[in-house]
Amino acid sequence: MGMDSKSQALMDLISQNRPSVVFLRETKIDNLDDFRHLSRTLQGLGFDHSKEVLSDGRFGGLGLFWKEGIKMCIRPSSHRFIDAELKGDPGDPIWKLTGFYGHPTMNLRYLSWQAIKELSDEDLLPWVIVGDFNEILHADEKKDGSRRSESQMRGFRDVVGYTDLVDLGYIGSRFTWSNR
């Protein structure tokens, strides 16, 4: 049985970039058997460990996958994030990795910002947060469609400032989403 185009694209992306950790959001996987199938597929690429947050029907769903040798301890998670603590070699700092998926409904995004603040307040570990916030920091980060209001973006900017997060930038296409 062959893979669908999304699964094949994921496998190709992993094979080309060789990450040690992969975070998937909006998996739309709502049952454990289907998640285990995905996990077995990724095991073929060396990802022996995983943590899932099942979707609510066809919406949401998160998956975090990591290779043997990555010392990862999963912390409490929710339908919006998977939080983990990572340890390197003896003497290396412990740090936190959070895979995040921002609320897709604009008037409920404040819940996402509240969750990020709470995660930030838990400890003082160095922190990397990855994923999709479903928001932009500045209007020039959006190409088409309706214009984002300043108040909508301000909530995201406020939480970035509150947490002292830094945008690490990107490599590749400036715009990563299209409604087509």
C-alpha atoms as a PDB file:
ATOM      1  CA  MET A   1       0.000   0.000   0.000  1.00  0.00           C
ATOM      2  CA  GLY A   2       1.476   3.370  -1.043  1.00  0.00           C
ATOM      3  CA  MET A   3       1.622   6.564   0.990  1.00  0.00           C
ATOM      4  CA  ASP A   4      -0.604   9.523   0.279  1.00  0.00           C
ATOM      5  CA  SER A   5       1.050  12.683  -1.073  1.00  0.00           C
ATOM      6  CA  LYS A   6       1.205  14.408   2.344  1.00  0.00           C
ATOM      7  CA  SER A   7       2.917  11.426   3.967  1.00  0.00           C
ATOM      8  CA  GLN A   8       5.343  11.130   1.068  1.00  0.00           C
ATOM      9  CA  ALA A   9       6.144  14.850   1.254  1.00  0.00           C
ATOM     10  CA  LEU A  10       6.807  14.502   4.990  1.00  0.00           C
ATOM     11  CA  MET A  11       9.098  11.514   4.449  1.00  0.00           C
ATOM     12  CA  ASP A  12      10.965  13.387   1.706  1.00  0.00           C
ATOM     13  CA  LEU A  13      11.375  16.482   3.891  1.00  0.00           C
ATOM     14  CA  ILE A  14      12.713  14.414   6.788  1.00  0.00           C
ATOM     15  CA  SER A  15      15.083  12.469   4.517  1.00  0.00           C
ATOM     16  CA  GLN A  16      16.458  15.690   2.992  1.00  0.00           C
ATOM     17  CA  ASN A  17      16.911  17.618   6.265  1.00  0.00           C
ATOM     18  CA  ARG A  18      17.692  14.806   8.739  1.00  0.00           C
ATOM     19  CA  PRO A  19      16.276  16.367  11.909  1.00  0.00           C
ATOM     20  CA  SER A  20      16.546  14.665  15.286  1.00  0.00           C
ATOM     21  CA  VAL A  21      13.171  16.013  16.433  1.00  0.00           C
ATOM     22  CA  VAL A  22       9.990  16.544  14.388  1.00  0.00           C
ATOM     23  CA  PHE A  23       6.875  18.403  15.528  1.00  0.00           C
ATOM     24  CA  LEU A  24       3.661  18.045  13.534  1.00  0.00           C
ATOM     25  CA  ARG A  25       0.583  20.160  14.090  1.00  0.00           C
ATOM     26  CA  GLU A  26      -2.892  19.754  12.668  1.00  0.00           C
ATOM     27  CA  THR A  27      -2.337  16.051  12.142  1.00  0.00           C
ATOM     28  CA  LYS A  28      -6.128  15.532  12.087  1.00  0.00           C
ATOM     29  CA  ILE A  29      -5.483  12.132  13.694  1.00  0.00           C
ATOM     30  CA  ASP A  30      -8.274  11.418  16.157  1.00  0.00           C
ATOM     31  CA  ASN A  31      -7.526   7.826  17.182  1.00  0.00           C
ATOM     32  CA  LEU A  32      -4.536   6.104  18.696  1.00  0.00           C
ATOM     33  CA  ASP A  33      -4.326   3.348  16.055  1.00  0.00           C
ATOM     34  CA  ASP A  34      -3.817   5.903  13.266  1.00  0.00           C
ATOM     35  CA  PHE A  35      -1.207   7.755  15.329  1.00  0.00           C
ATOM     36  CA  ARG A  36       0.616   4.478  15.978  1.00  0.00           C
ATOM     37  CA  HIS A  37       0.610   3.852  12.206  1.00  0.00           C
ATOM     38  CA  LEU A  38       2.268   7.247  11.660  1.00  0.00           C
ATOM     39  CA  SER A  39       4.747   6.485  14.466  1.00  0.00           C
ATOM     40  CA  ARG A  40       5.687   3.168  12.852  1.00  0.00           C
ATOM     41  CA  THR A  41       6.257   4.967   9.549  1.00  0.00           C
ATOM     42  CA  LEU A  42       8.569   7.485  11.222  1.00  0.00           C
ATOM     43  CA  GLN A  43      10.367   4.693  13.091  1.00  0.00           C
ATOM     44  CA  GLY A  44      11.634   3.648   9.678  1.00  0.00           C
ATOM     45  CA  LEU A  45      13.498   6.979   9.617  1.00  0.00           C
ATOM     46  CA  GLY A  46      14.904   6.524  13.127  1.00  0.00           C
ATOM     47  CA  PHE A  47      12.249   8.272  15.224  1.00  0.00           C
ATOM     48  CA  ASP A  48      11.849   5.689  17.963  1.00  0.00           C
ATOM     49  CA  HIS A  49       9.931   7.896  20.406  1.00  0.00           C
ATOM     50  CA  SER A  50       6.765   9.932  20.136  1.00  0.00           C
ATOM     51  CA  LYS A  51       4.108  11.841  22.015  1.00  0.00           C
ATOM     52  CA  GLU A  52       0.656  12.490  20.599  1.00  0.00           C
ATOM     53  CA  VAL A  53      -2.245  14.786  21.278  1.00  0.00           C
ATOM     54  CA  LEU A  54      -5.199  13.435  19.337  1.00  0.00           C
ATOM     55  CA  SER A  55      -7.376  15.775  17.316  1.00  0.00           C
ATOM     56  CA  ASP A  56     -10.942  16.717  18.054  1.00  0.00           C
ATOM     57  CA  GLY A  57     -12.508  15.126  15.011  1.00  0.00           C
ATOM     58  CA  ARG A  58     -10.990  16.622  11.861  1.00  0.00           C
ATOM     59  CA  PHE A  59      -9.418  19.584  13.669  1.00  0.00           C
ATOM     60  CA  GLY A  60      -6.117  19.862  15.502  1.00  0.00           C
ATOM     61  CA  GLY A  61      -3.891  17.029  16.577  1.00  0.00           C
ATOM     62  CA  LEU A  62      -0.212  17.217  17.508  1.00  0.00           C
ATOM     63  CA  GLY A  63       2.717  14.853  17.272  1.00  0.00           C
ATOM     64  CA  LEU A  64       6.259  15.097  18.600  1.00  0.00           C
ATOM     65  CA  PHE A  65       8.805  12.542  17.385  1.00  0.00           C
ATOM     66  CA  TRP A  66      12.446  12.149  18.393  1.00  0.00           C
ATOM     67  CA  LYS A  67      15.349   9.871  17.748  1.00  0.00           C
ATOM     68  CA  GLU A  68      17.179   7.555  20.121  1.00  0.00           C
ATOM     69  CA  GLY A  69      19.864   9.460  21.973  1.00  0.00           C
ATOM     70  CA  ILE A  70      17.737  12.574  22.431  1.00  0.00           C
ATOM     71  CA  LYS A  71      17.143  12.803  26.176  1.00  0.00           C
ATOM     72  CA  MET A  72      13.609  14.149  26.230  1.00  0.00           C
ATOM     73  CA  CYS A  73      11.168  14.178  29.120  1.00  0.00           C
ATOM     74  CA  ILE A  74       7.584  15.062  28.201  1.00  0.00           C
ATOM     75  CA  ARG A  75       5.949  17.588  30.477  1.00  0.00           C
ATOM     76  CA  PRO A  76       2.198  18.220  30.746  1.00  0.00           C
ATOM     77  CA  SER A  77       0.616  18.812  27.326  1.00  0.00           C
ATOM     78  CA  SER A  78      -2.692  20.112  26.029  1.00  0.00           C
ATOM     79  CA  HIS A  79      -4.641  20.246  22.768  1.00  0.00           C
ATOM     80  CA  ARG A  80      -2.563  23.376  21.892  1.00  0.00           C
ATOM     81  CA  PHE A  81       0.964  22.242  22.790  1.00  0.00           C
ATOM     82  CA  ILE A  82       3.396  19.487  23.668  1.00  0.00           C
ATOM     83  CA  ASP A  83       5.991  20.633  26.193  1.00  0.00           C
ATOM     84  CA  ALA A  84       9.268  18.790  26.783  1.00  0.00           C
ATOM     85  CA  GLU A  85      12.500  19.116  28.723  1.00  0.00           C
ATOM     86  CA  LEU A  86      15.740  18.141  27.006  1.00  0.00           C
ATOM     87  CA  LYS A  87      19.048  17.170  28.536  1.00  0.00           C
ATOM     88  CA  GLY A  88      22.339  17.082  26.688  1.00  0.00           C
ATOM     89  CA  ASP A  89      25.585  15.547  27.773  1.00  0.00           C
ATOM     90  CA  PRO A  90      26.698  15.917  31.402  1.00  0.00           C
ATOM     91  CA  GLY A  91      27.450  19.582  32.024  1.00  0.00           C
ATOM     92  CA  ASP A  92      25.225  20.777  29.163  1.00  0.00           C
ATOM     93  CA  PRO A  93      22.266  22.952  30.107  1.00  0.00           C
ATOM     94  CA  ILE A  94      18.751  21.559  30.398  1.00  0.00           C
ATOM     95  CA  TRP A  95      16.356  23.371  28.087  1.00  0.00           C
ATOM     96  CA  LYS A  96      12.696  23.340  27.129  1.00  0.00           C
ATOM     97  CA  LEU A  97      11.110  22.631  23.743  1.00  0.00           C
ATOM     98  CA  THR A  98       7.448  23.371  23.117  1.00  0.00           C
ATOM     99  CA  GLY A  99       5.605  22.371  19.956  1.00  0.00           C
ATOM    100  CA  PHE A 100       2.717  24.829  19.709  1.00  0.00           C
ATOM    101  CA  TYR A 101      -0.444  25.242  17.660  1.00  0.00           C
ATOM    102  CA  GLY A 102      -2.249  28.552  18.161  1.00  0.00           C
ATOM    103  CA  HIS A 103      -6.005  28.669  18.355  1.00  0.00           C
ATOM    104  CA  PRO A 104      -7.402  28.857  14.802  1.00  0.00           C
ATOM    105  CA  THR A 105     -10.336  31.046  15.875  1.00  0.00           C
ATOM    106  CA  MET A 106      -9.265  34.686  16.006  1.00  0.00           C
ATOM    107  CA  ASN A 107     -11.419  35.744  18.951  1.00  0.00           C
ATOM    108  CA  LEU A 108     -10.082  32.803  21.013  1.00  0.00           C
ATOM    109  CA  ARG A 109      -6.363  33.400  20.338  1.00  0.00           C
ATOM    110  CA  TYR A 110      -6.037  35.123  23.688  1.00  0.00           C
ATOM    111  CA  LEU A 111      -6.225  31.577  25.109  1.00  0.00           C
ATOM    112  CA  SER A 112      -3.094  30.723  23.124  1.00  0.00           C
ATOM    113  CA  TRP A 113      -1.271  33.764  24.469  1.00  0.00           C
ATOM    114  CA  GLN A 114      -2.375  32.881  28.002  1.00  0.00           C
ATOM    115  CA  ALA A 115      -1.005  29.333  27.560  1.00  0.00           C
ATOM    116  CA  ILE A 116       2.352  30.659  26.315  1.00  0.00           C
ATOM    117  CA  LYS A 117       2.599  33.018  29.305  1.00  0.00           C
ATOM    118  CA  GLU A 118       1.850  30.148  31.699  1.00  0.00           C
ATOM    119  CA  LEU A 119       4.478  27.946  30.030  1.00  0.00           C
ATOM    120  CA  SER A 120       6.970  30.790  30.314  1.00  0.00           C
ATOM    121  CA  ASP A 121       6.218  31.336  33.996  1.00  0.00           C
ATOM    122  CA  GLU A 122       6.813  27.656  34.913  1.00  0.00           C
ATOM    123  CA  ASP A 123      10.606  27.914  35.024  1.00  0.00           C
ATOM    124  CA  LEU A 124      13.630  29.837  33.810  1.00  0.00           C
ATOM    125  CA  LEU A 125      14.989  27.186  31.447  1.00  0.00           C
ATOM    126  CA  PRO A 126      16.260  28.257  28.025  1.00  0.00           C
ATOM    127  CA  TRP A 127      13.263  27.785  25.723  1.00  0.00           C
ATOM    128  CA  VAL A 128      12.554  27.072  22.084  1.00  0.00           C
ATOM    129  CA  ILE A 129       8.947  27.183  20.940  1.00  0.00           C
ATOM    130  CA  VAL A 130       8.109  25.941  17.433  1.00  0.00           C
ATOM    131  CA  GLY A 131       4.946  25.423  15.460  1.00  0.00           C
ATOM    132  CA  ASP A 132       2.132  27.555  14.142  1.00  0.00           C
ATOM    133  CA  PHE A 133       0.875  30.466  16.216  1.00  0.00           C
ATOM    134  CA  ASN A 134      -1.877  31.249  13.688  1.00  0.00           C
ATOM    135  CA  GLU A 135      -0.867  34.886  13.962  1.00  0.00           C
ATOM    136  CA  ILE A 136       1.692  37.316  12.594  1.00  0.00           C
ATOM    137  CA  LEU A 137       3.806  39.937  14.337  1.00  0.00           C
ATOM    138  CA  HIS A 138       3.653  42.564  11.586  1.00  0.00           C
ATOM    139  CA  ALA A 139       1.292  43.323   8.686  1.00  0.00           C
ATOM    140  CA  ASP A 140       4.023  42.818   6.044  1.00  0.00           C
ATOM    141  CA  GLU A 141       4.181  39.117   6.975  1.00  0.00           C
ATOM    142  CA  LYS A 142       0.845  38.588   5.197  1.00  0.00           C
ATOM    143  CA  LYS A 143       0.394  38.824   1.449  1.00  0.00           C
ATOM    144  CA  ASP A 144      -3.279  38.497   0.449  1.00  0.00           C
ATOM    145  CA  GLY A 145      -6.700  38.425   2.044  1.00  0.00           C
ATOM    146  CA  SER A 146      -8.127  40.736   4.645  1.00  0.00           C
ATOM    147  CA  ARG A 147      -5.738  42.993   6.509  1.00  0.00           C
ATOM    148  CA  ARG A 148      -4.868  42.059  10.089  1.00  0.00           C
ATOM    149  CA  SER A 149      -5.897  44.607  12.685  1.00  0.00           C
ATOM    150  CA  GLU A 150      -3.235  46.125  14.918  1.00  0.00           C
ATOM    151  CA  SER A 151      -5.102  44.939  18.016  1.00  0.00           C
ATOM    152  CA  GLN A 152      -5.084  41.358  16.726  1.00  0.00           C
ATOM    153  CA  MET A 153      -1.319  41.391  16.136  1.00  0.00           C
ATOM    154  CA  ARG A 154      -0.686  43.296  19.379  1.00  0.00           C
ATOM    155  CA  GLY A 155      -1.780  40.304  21.464  1.00  0.00           C
ATOM    156  CA  PHE A 156       0.883  38.170  19.813  1.00  0.00           C
ATOM    157  CA  ARG A 157       3.539  40.890  20.063  1.00  0.00           C
ATOM    158  CA  ASP A 158       2.680  41.355  23.751  1.00  0.00           C
ATOM    159  CA  VAL A 159       3.191  37.676  24.543  1.00  0.00           C
ATOM    160  CA  VAL A 160       6.483  37.610  22.599  1.00  0.00           C
ATOM    161  CA  GLY A 161       7.642  40.595  24.657  1.00  0.00           C
ATOM    162  CA  TYR A 162       6.357  39.141  27.941  1.00  0.00           C
ATOM    163  CA  THR A 163       8.268  35.896  27.388  1.00  0.00           C
ATOM    164  CA  ASP A 164      11.413  37.475  25.880  1.00  0.00           C
ATOM    165  CA  LEU A 165      11.069  35.182  22.872  1.00  0.00           C
ATOM    166  CA  VAL A 166      13.089  36.010  19.754  1.00  0.00           C
ATOM    167  CA  ASP A 167      11.974  35.255  16.206  1.00  0.00           C
ATOM    168  CA  LEU A 168      14.785  33.127  14.740  1.00  0.00           C
ATOM    169  CA  GLY A 169      13.733  33.907  11.184  1.00  0.00           C
ATOM    170  CA  TYR A 170      13.357  31.406   8.395  1.00  0.00           C
ATOM    171  CA  ILE A 171      14.930  29.934   5.304  1.00  0.00           C
ATOM    172  CA  GLY A 172      12.802  29.522   2.211  1.00  0.00           C
ATOM    173  CA  SER A 173       9.629  31.094   0.920  1.00  0.00           C
ATOM    174  CA  ARG A 174       8.622  34.258   2.775  1.00  0.00           C
ATOM    175  CA  PHE A 175       4.986  33.195   2.678  1.00  0.00           C
ATOM    176  CA  THR A 176       4.316  29.623   3.778  1.00  0.00           C
ATOM    177  CA  TRP A 177       0.549  29.472   3.550  1.00  0.00           C
ATOM    178  CA  SER A 178      -1.941  29.958   0.743  1.00  0.00           C
ATOM    179  CA  ASN A 179      -5.686  29.528   0.699  1.00  0.00           C
ATOM    180  CA  ARG A 180      -5.335  27.842  -2.671  1.00  0.00           C
END
